[in-house]
Amino acid sequence: MAVKKNAAKQPEVKGMSDTKRWIYGFALLFFALFLAVSVLSFFFFWKDDQSVTDWTHVFMSSKETVNEARVQNWGGKLGAVLAKTVVADGFGLFGLCIPAVLIIFSLRIMRFRPAMLRKSVRLTLILMILGSLTLGFLFRGNWEVFGTGLGGRHGISIAEWLVSVIGTIGTGLLLLLSIVLYAIYINRNTISMINRVGKGIVDNGRKVGEAVSTTAAASSATKPNRPTTRNRKPKAKKGKKRSTTTIRSSCVRPTTIPRSIRAS
């Protein structure tokens, strides 16, 4: 008798195959590296590439751009426009976080497992938003770096909106609190470090106060006790003292002698 074997059905594998993963991963990695190079180049040549302002310049022929200056960006026209969108119109100096996140995602698609993938992406995006907002609040549009400012158009506009809502002091305190919480979220040892710094400031302040008080007490002890104005005796006027006899003699009138006595 032929023994019939019940072949176990193999479960169908869902998702992308390894070939597709490598293709998509390499494509995303190439775009991320291209964007990173373009952003880094924009930090140095943003003044020279101000003529390339929109996407129409990317698809213009060489004959139409004869009179225009040559693009200095390492990524060409496309790199200049992408970098301007990310940096000047976006997050300013922290626009470099976008290609960093794309590189992490591309490695994950190719089944490389970066350490703490989700936390790394989350921290990078928070750093990008918080850093752009901080630079936009501190410098606004001063110096017109990148054409808009160090914080980019995003950071400057959000910072101005916060100032209009909670004021300058409130915005500064909110950003300071956010930076401290971000540091604590990255590393819990930040709490102990803040405690050490605060304790050191308190101890140094106490030592300075004690030194000032002892110095003031020593200086007051060495000074002689000066009499007050009420206890002071009036000083005698300088000069020769006139005797009372001369004063009295000057006050006595001379007596007149009669003529009969003079004739005798």
Protein backbone atom coordinates (compact mmCIF):
# COMPACT_ATOMS: atom_id res chain seq x y z
CA MET A 1 0.00 0.00 0.00
CA ALA A 2 1.24 3.37 -0.87
CA VAL A 3 1.57 5.50 2.15
CA LYS A 4 0.18 8.93 1.55
CA LYS A 5 2.13 11.64 3.23
CA ASN A 6 0.27 14.74 4.18
CA ALA A 7 2.65 17.44 3.08
CA ALA A 8 2.53 20.36 5.45
CA LYS A 9 1.55 23.54 3.75
CA GLN A 10 4.29 26.13 3.97
CA PRO A 11 3.05 29.57 5.03
CA GLU A 12 3.31 32.23 2.42
CA VAL A 13 5.95 34.81 3.12
CA LYS A 14 4.47 38.29 3.10
CA GLY A 15 6.40 41.45 2.51
CA MET A 16 9.20 42.48 0.19
CA SER A 17 11.79 40.07 -1.02
CA ASP A 18 15.46 40.61 -0.31
CA THR A 19 16.03 41.90 -3.83
CA LYS A 20 13.39 44.59 -3.49
CA ARG A 21 14.68 45.52 -0.06
CA TRP A 22 18.18 46.08 -1.36
CA ILE A 23 16.93 48.06 -4.36
CA TYR A 24 14.73 50.36 -2.29
CA GLY A 25 17.32 50.63 0.46
CA PHE A 26 20.12 51.58 -1.93
CA ALA A 27 17.88 54.10 -3.72
CA LEU A 28 16.93 55.77 -0.45
CA LEU A 29 20.54 55.68 0.76
CA PHE A 30 21.73 57.34 -2.45
CA PHE A 31 19.13 60.09 -2.13
CA ALA A 32 19.99 60.64 1.56
CA LEU A 33 23.72 60.93 0.84
CA PHE A 34 23.03 63.27 -2.09
CA LEU A 35 20.86 65.44 0.13
CA ALA A 36 23.48 65.47 2.89
CA VAL A 37 26.20 66.58 0.47
CA SER A 38 23.93 69.28 -0.98
CA VAL A 39 23.01 70.61 2.49
CA LEU A 40 26.65 70.71 3.60
CA SER A 41 27.56 72.53 0.40
CA PHE A 42 24.71 74.99 0.92
CA PHE A 43 26.21 75.99 4.28
CA PHE A 44 29.24 77.39 2.42
CA PHE A 45 27.89 78.54 -0.97
CA TRP A 46 24.39 79.75 -0.11
CA LYS A 47 25.24 83.32 -1.20
CA ASP A 48 26.44 82.19 -4.61
CA ASP A 49 23.34 80.08 -5.27
CA GLN A 50 20.68 82.69 -4.51
CA SER A 51 19.81 82.88 -8.19
CA VAL A 52 18.53 79.28 -8.08
CA THR A 53 15.32 79.90 -6.18
CA ASP A 54 12.73 77.44 -7.48
CA TRP A 55 12.29 74.23 -9.41
CA THR A 56 11.98 75.99 -12.77
CA HIS A 57 15.73 76.63 -12.77
CA VAL A 58 16.41 72.91 -12.49
CA PHE A 59 14.77 72.06 -15.81
CA MET A 60 15.97 75.10 -17.73
CA SER A 61 18.35 74.45 -20.60
CA SER A 62 21.92 75.70 -20.65
CA LYS A 63 21.05 78.27 -23.33
CA GLU A 64 18.47 79.88 -21.09
CA THR A 65 20.91 80.15 -18.17
CA VAL A 66 23.88 81.63 -20.04
CA ASN A 67 23.62 84.99 -18.30
CA GLU A 68 23.20 83.44 -14.86
CA ALA A 69 26.07 82.69 -12.51
CA ARG A 70 27.33 79.14 -12.27
CA VAL A 71 25.88 77.08 -9.44
CA GLN A 72 28.51 76.38 -6.77
CA ASN A 73 26.59 73.69 -4.92
CA TRP A 74 28.19 70.25 -5.04
CA GLY A 75 24.84 68.77 -5.97
CA GLY A 76 24.28 71.10 -8.92
CA LYS A 77 20.98 72.85 -9.51
CA LEU A 78 18.94 70.04 -8.03
CA GLY A 79 21.11 69.98 -4.91
CA ALA A 80 20.90 73.76 -4.54
CA VAL A 81 17.09 73.75 -4.74
CA LEU A 82 16.75 70.80 -2.35
CA ALA A 83 19.16 72.34 0.15
CA LYS A 84 17.37 75.69 -0.02
CA THR A 85 14.06 73.96 0.66
CA VAL A 86 15.45 72.03 3.64
CA VAL A 87 17.67 74.75 5.15
CA ALA A 88 16.46 78.23 4.21
CA ASP A 89 12.74 77.45 3.89
CA GLY A 90 12.82 74.71 6.51
CA PHE A 91 14.84 74.10 9.66
CA GLY A 92 17.97 76.17 9.15
CA LEU A 93 21.21 74.78 10.51
CA PHE A 94 19.42 71.69 11.83
CA GLY A 95 18.11 70.76 8.39
CA LEU A 96 21.00 68.30 8.30
CA CYS A 97 18.92 66.03 10.54
CA ILE A 98 16.64 65.11 7.61
CA PRO A 99 19.30 63.24 5.59
CA ALA A 100 20.48 61.61 8.84
CA VAL A 101 16.98 60.17 9.41
CA LEU A 102 16.78 59.00 5.78
CA ILE A 103 20.11 57.19 6.13
CA ILE A 104 18.82 55.35 9.21
CA PHE A 105 15.65 54.33 7.36
CA SER A 106 17.61 53.12 4.33
CA LEU A 107 19.80 50.90 6.51
CA ARG A 108 16.70 49.51 8.20
CA ILE A 109 15.11 48.66 4.84
CA MET A 110 18.23 46.67 3.91
CA ARG A 111 17.76 44.75 7.17
CA PHE A 112 20.60 46.43 8.96
CA ARG A 113 19.56 47.09 12.51
CA PRO A 114 21.04 50.33 13.83
CA ALA A 115 21.21 50.58 17.59
CA MET A 116 17.95 51.88 19.06
CA LEU A 117 16.38 52.60 15.68
CA ARG A 118 13.11 54.11 16.87
CA LYS A 119 14.71 56.13 19.64
CA SER A 120 17.41 57.44 17.28
CA VAL A 121 14.84 58.63 14.75
CA ARG A 122 12.68 60.16 17.46
CA LEU A 123 15.59 61.99 19.08
CA THR A 124 16.86 63.27 15.73
CA LEU A 125 13.48 64.70 14.73
CA ILE A 126 12.99 66.33 18.15
CA LEU A 127 16.48 67.81 17.92
CA MET A 128 15.70 69.22 14.49
CA ILE A 129 12.50 70.95 15.61
CA LEU A 130 13.83 72.14 18.98
CA GLY A 131 17.16 73.34 17.55
CA SER A 132 15.49 75.24 14.72
CA LEU A 133 13.07 76.87 17.15
CA THR A 134 15.87 77.85 19.56
CA LEU A 135 18.00 79.44 16.84
CA GLY A 136 14.95 81.20 15.44
CA PHE A 137 14.19 82.64 18.88
CA LEU A 138 17.75 83.72 19.68
CA PHE A 139 18.80 85.20 16.35
CA ARG A 140 15.54 85.72 14.42
CA GLY A 141 16.48 87.09 11.00
CA ASN A 142 19.75 88.69 12.09
CA TRP A 143 22.63 88.57 9.60
CA GLU A 144 20.22 86.87 7.11
CA VAL A 145 22.26 83.67 7.12
CA PHE A 146 21.00 81.20 4.48
CA GLY A 147 18.78 84.01 3.22
CA THR A 148 16.34 83.76 6.12
CA GLY A 149 18.25 83.10 9.36
CA LEU A 150 20.08 80.43 11.31
CA GLY A 151 16.81 78.83 12.40
CA GLY A 152 15.28 78.78 8.93
CA ARG A 153 11.87 80.10 8.01
CA HIS A 154 10.17 77.39 10.10
CA GLY A 155 12.05 78.20 13.32
CA ILE A 156 11.68 81.97 12.94
CA SER A 157 7.94 81.87 12.23
CA ILE A 158 7.17 79.50 15.13
CA ALA A 159 9.36 81.53 17.51
CA GLU A 160 7.59 84.77 16.56
CA TRP A 161 4.22 83.11 17.10
CA LEU A 162 5.26 81.89 20.58
CA VAL A 163 6.54 85.35 21.50
CA SER A 164 3.22 86.87 20.50
CA VAL A 165 1.34 84.32 22.64
CA ILE A 166 3.42 83.94 25.84
CA GLY A 167 5.94 86.77 25.52
CA THR A 168 9.71 86.78 25.26
CA ILE A 169 10.39 85.60 28.83
CA GLY A 170 7.78 82.86 28.60
CA THR A 171 9.21 81.60 25.30
CA GLY A 172 12.74 81.58 26.72
CA LEU A 173 11.64 79.62 29.80
CA LEU A 174 9.70 77.16 27.65
CA LEU A 175 12.72 76.52 25.42
CA LEU A 176 15.00 76.14 28.46
CA LEU A 177 12.61 73.60 29.99
CA SER A 178 12.41 71.71 26.69
CA ILE A 179 16.20 71.54 26.39
CA VAL A 180 16.55 70.22 29.96
CA LEU A 181 13.85 67.59 29.40
CA TYR A 182 15.47 66.58 26.11
CA ALA A 183 18.82 66.13 27.86
CA ILE A 184 17.16 64.05 30.59
CA TYR A 185 15.41 61.92 27.97
CA ILE A 186 18.73 61.22 26.22
CA ASN A 187 20.59 60.32 29.40
CA ARG A 188 19.14 59.93 32.86
CA ASN A 189 22.49 60.83 34.40
CA THR A 190 21.66 64.41 33.43
CA ILE A 191 19.56 64.67 36.60
CA SER A 192 22.51 63.83 38.85
CA MET A 193 24.68 66.22 36.88
CA ILE A 194 22.14 69.04 37.33
CA ASN A 195 22.01 68.25 41.06
CA ARG A 196 25.79 68.44 41.31
CA VAL A 197 25.89 71.74 39.45
CA GLY A 198 23.11 73.21 41.62
CA LYS A 199 24.78 72.00 44.81
CA GLY A 200 28.08 73.48 43.71
CA ILE A 201 26.46 76.84 42.98
CA VAL A 202 24.76 76.89 46.39
CA ASP A 203 27.96 75.92 48.23
CA ASN A 204 30.02 78.51 46.40
CA GLY A 205 27.41 81.18 47.11
CA ARG A 206 27.43 80.27 50.78
CA LYS A 207 31.24 80.46 50.92
CA VAL A 208 31.25 83.83 49.19
CA GLY A 209 28.63 85.14 51.64
CA GLU A 210 30.64 83.96 54.64
CA ALA A 211 33.83 85.52 53.25
CA VAL A 212 32.09 88.83 52.67
CA SER A 213 30.58 88.86 56.16
CA THR A 214 33.92 88.06 57.87
CA THR A 215 35.69 90.73 55.84
CA ALA A 216 33.07 93.30 56.73
CA ALA A 217 33.28 92.37 60.45
CA ALA A 218 37.09 92.62 60.46
CA SER A 219 37.10 96.00 58.74
CA SER A 220 34.53 97.39 61.18
CA ALA A 221 36.59 96.18 64.15
CA THR A 222 39.81 97.87 62.99
CA LYS A 223 38.22 101.29 62.46
CA PRO A 224 38.52 103.74 65.49
CA ASN A 225 35.34 104.90 67.19
CA ARG A 226 34.74 108.45 66.10
CA PRO A 227 32.63 110.66 68.36
CA THR A 228 29.29 111.63 67.05
CA THR A 229 28.34 115.22 66.29
CA ARG A 230 26.31 115.47 69.49
CA ASN A 231 29.20 114.46 71.75
CA ARG A 232 31.80 116.56 70.01
CA LYS A 233 33.12 119.56 71.94
CA PRO A 234 33.32 122.85 70.12
CA LYS A 235 36.85 123.65 69.11
CA ALA A 236 38.44 126.78 70.54
CA LYS A 237 39.21 129.49 68.05
CA LYS A 238 42.84 130.08 67.35
CA GLY A 239 44.42 133.45 68.23
CA LYS A 240 45.63 135.47 71.22
CA LYS A 241 43.36 135.58 74.23
CA ARG A 242 42.60 139.05 75.44
CA SER A 243 42.88 139.42 79.23
CA THR A 244 39.92 140.50 81.20
CA THR A 245 41.86 143.36 82.79
CA THR A 246 42.48 145.05 79.49
CA ILE A 247 38.87 144.64 78.56
CA ARG A 248 37.76 146.19 81.84
CA SER A 249 40.28 149.02 81.56
CA SER A 250 39.12 149.87 78.15
CA CYS A 251 35.60 150.09 79.41
CA VAL A 252 36.45 152.56 82.30
CA ARG A 253 36.18 156.24 81.34
CA PRO A 254 39.04 158.65 82.42
CA THR A 255 38.17 161.12 85.20
CA THR A 256 38.50 164.90 84.58
CA ILE A 257 40.78 166.98 86.92
CA PRO A 258 39.44 170.47 87.94
CA ARG A 259 41.41 173.60 86.86
CA SER A 260 42.01 174.91 90.43
CA ILE A 261 43.91 171.84 91.30
CA ARG A 262 45.95 172.07 88.13
CA ALA A 263 46.91 175.78 88.89
CA SER A 264 48.12 174.92 92.35
